[in-house]
């Protein structure tokens, strides 16, 4: 038994020595149930702040953050520019509506005035008069045109 314990102890020590320098992902909580822990819930290995890998990661992250902020700022500027363009277009269209409304009002007034003048100048239709009627009704004795 002591030999087996010694062998097991030696194997365990070798395992510890081999895995000591290798960062391991360890679950944050022991949820149990045999389900795999998603990578987002795993503790990430702590890197030495002096290591090249750490500096490279930080540099890449800083560049990514800078790029993301620039895109966000550009998108906000583009949106503001579009808002300004739409406001200007809206003002132009409002002015055009106002002008066209005035023009319509003037044209309506002209039309109504013209229609009123036409109504005043038109006389009710007289009874149908034929040239013979003029000759028969003409008692003046000048019946030169009547035969």
Protein backbone atom coordinates (compact mmCIF):
# COMPACT_ATOMS: atom_id res chain seq x y z
CA UNK A 1 0.00 0.00 0.00
CA UNK A 2 2.74 2.44 0.83
CA UNK A 3 4.36 1.68 -2.54
CA UNK A 4 1.12 2.50 -4.31
CA UNK A 5 0.72 5.70 -2.34
CA UNK A 6 4.28 6.69 -3.21
CA UNK A 7 3.69 6.01 -6.91
CA UNK A 8 0.45 7.92 -6.87
CA UNK A 9 2.16 10.78 -5.05
CA UNK A 10 4.98 10.84 -7.63
CA UNK A 11 2.49 10.90 -10.51
CA UNK A 12 0.50 13.67 -8.85
CA UNK A 13 3.62 15.77 -8.26
CA UNK A 14 4.70 15.36 -11.88
CA UNK A 15 1.23 16.38 -13.02
CA UNK A 16 1.33 19.48 -10.82
CA UNK A 17 4.78 20.40 -12.09
CA UNK A 18 3.71 20.01 -15.72
CA UNK A 19 0.49 22.03 -15.39
CA UNK A 20 1.78 24.69 -13.02
CA UNK A 21 2.87 27.12 -15.76
CA UNK A 22 -0.06 26.41 -18.10
CA UNK A 23 -2.98 28.78 -17.51
CA UNK A 24 -6.21 26.87 -16.95
CA UNK A 25 -9.78 27.98 -17.55
CA UNK A 26 -11.77 27.34 -14.40
CA UNK A 27 -15.54 27.73 -13.98
CA UNK A 28 -16.57 30.71 -11.85
CA UNK A 29 -19.29 28.80 -10.05
CA UNK A 30 -19.90 25.11 -9.62
CA UNK A 31 -23.34 24.89 -11.22
CA UNK A 32 -23.27 21.09 -11.20
CA UNK A 33 -25.66 19.09 -13.34
CA UNK A 34 -22.91 18.05 -15.72
CA UNK A 35 -23.53 21.00 -18.03
CA UNK A 36 -20.58 22.64 -19.72
CA UNK A 37 -19.79 26.14 -18.54
CA UNK A 38 -19.88 28.68 -21.38
CA UNK A 39 -16.59 30.45 -22.10
CA UNK A 40 -18.01 33.77 -20.87
CA UNK A 41 -18.40 32.26 -17.39
CA UNK A 42 -14.86 30.95 -17.23
CA UNK A 43 -12.13 32.77 -15.34
CA UNK A 44 -9.50 33.95 -17.73
CA UNK A 45 -5.88 33.44 -16.82
CA UNK A 46 -4.23 36.47 -15.31
CA UNK A 47 -1.38 37.57 -17.53
CA UNK A 48 1.75 39.23 -16.30
CA UNK A 49 1.44 42.94 -17.09
CA UNK A 50 5.05 42.99 -18.17
CA UNK A 51 4.67 40.18 -20.71
CA UNK A 52 4.70 40.80 -24.46
CA UNK A 53 1.44 38.91 -24.87
CA UNK A 54 -0.28 41.18 -22.34
CA UNK A 55 1.05 44.33 -24.04
CA UNK A 56 -0.03 43.05 -27.46
CA UNK A 57 -3.51 42.25 -26.20
CA UNK A 58 -3.81 45.66 -24.57
CA UNK A 59 -2.61 47.38 -27.74
CA UNK A 60 -5.10 45.45 -29.89
CA UNK A 61 -7.87 46.20 -27.42
CA UNK A 62 -6.97 49.89 -27.29
CA UNK A 63 -7.02 50.06 -31.10
CA UNK A 64 -10.36 48.26 -31.23
CA UNK A 65 -11.85 50.63 -28.65
CA UNK A 66 -10.47 53.64 -30.50
CA UNK A 67 -11.87 52.36 -33.81
CA UNK A 68 -15.25 51.64 -32.23
CA UNK A 69 -15.44 55.13 -30.72
CA UNK A 70 -14.47 56.69 -34.05
CA UNK A 71 -17.20 54.71 -35.85
CA UNK A 72 -19.72 55.72 -33.22
CA UNK A 73 -18.71 59.37 -33.46
CA UNK A 74 -18.84 59.27 -37.28
CA UNK A 75 -22.28 57.68 -37.18
CA UNK A 76 -23.53 60.40 -34.82
CA UNK A 77 -22.08 63.10 -37.11
CA UNK A 78 -23.67 61.51 -40.18
CA UNK A 79 -27.01 61.31 -38.40
CA UNK A 80 -26.79 64.97 -37.31
CA UNK A 81 -25.89 66.02 -40.86
CA UNK A 82 -28.90 64.11 -42.21
CA UNK A 83 -31.14 65.76 -39.60
CA UNK A 84 -29.88 69.20 -40.68
CA UNK A 85 -30.44 68.39 -44.37
CA UNK A 86 -33.97 67.18 -43.66
CA UNK A 87 -34.73 70.32 -41.62
CA UNK A 88 -33.56 72.52 -44.50
CA UNK A 89 -35.62 70.54 -46.99
CA UNK A 90 -38.63 70.77 -44.70
CA UNK A 91 -38.25 74.56 -44.47
CA UNK A 92 -38.01 74.82 -48.28
CA UNK A 93 -41.10 72.67 -48.71
CA UNK A 94 -43.05 74.67 -46.12
CA UNK A 95 -42.14 77.89 -47.97
CA UNK A 96 -43.23 76.32 -51.26
CA UNK A 97 -46.54 75.24 -49.72
CA UNK A 98 -47.11 78.79 -48.46
CA UNK A 99 -46.33 80.27 -51.89
CA UNK A 100 -48.54 77.77 -53.73
CA UNK A 101 -51.39 78.37 -51.28
CA UNK A 102 -51.20 82.12 -51.94
CA UNK A 103 -51.10 81.49 -55.70
CA UNK A 104 -54.13 79.19 -55.44
CA UNK A 105 -56.03 81.81 -53.46
CA UNK A 106 -55.27 84.51 -56.05
CA UNK A 107 -56.32 82.23 -58.91
CA UNK A 108 -59.56 81.31 -57.12
CA UNK A 109 -60.36 84.99 -56.61
CA UNK A 110 -59.66 85.73 -60.30
CA UNK A 111 -61.83 82.82 -61.38
CA UNK A 112 -64.72 83.88 -59.14
CA UNK A 113 -64.46 87.49 -60.33
CA UNK A 114 -64.45 86.37 -63.97
CA UNK A 115 -67.42 84.06 -63.39
CA UNK A 116 -69.32 86.89 -61.68
CA UNK A 117 -68.61 89.26 -64.59
CA UNK A 118 -69.81 86.66 -67.08
CA UNK A 119 -73.02 86.19 -65.12
CA UNK A 120 -73.67 89.96 -65.12
CA UNK A 121 -73.13 90.27 -68.90
CA UNK A 122 -75.30 87.34 -69.94
CA UNK A 123 -78.93 88.26 -70.39
CA UNK A 124 -81.76 85.82 -70.14
CA UNK A 125 -82.59 84.21 -73.49
CA UNK A 126 -85.30 86.12 -75.43
CA UNK A 127 -88.16 84.43 -77.26
CA UNK A 128 -87.13 83.12 -80.63
CA UNK A 129 -87.61 85.89 -83.20
CA UNK A 130 -87.69 85.22 -86.94
CA UNK A 131 -87.19 87.84 -89.68
CA UNK A 132 -90.84 87.44 -90.63
CA UNK A 133 -91.89 88.37 -87.12
CA UNK A 134 -89.96 91.60 -87.41
CA UNK A 135 -91.78 92.46 -90.62
CA UNK A 136 -95.19 91.67 -89.18
CA UNK A 137 -94.56 93.63 -85.99
CA UNK A 138 -93.07 96.57 -87.78
CA UNK A 139 -95.95 99.08 -88.23
CA UNK A 140 -93.80 101.96 -89.34
CA UNK A 141 -94.47 101.34 -92.98
CA UNK A 142 -90.87 100.67 -93.89
CA UNK A 143 -91.39 97.15 -95.08
CA UNK A 144 -88.77 97.30 -97.77
CA UNK A 145 -87.09 94.14 -96.59
CA UNK A 146 -90.25 92.23 -95.94
CA UNK A 147 -92.01 90.44 -98.78
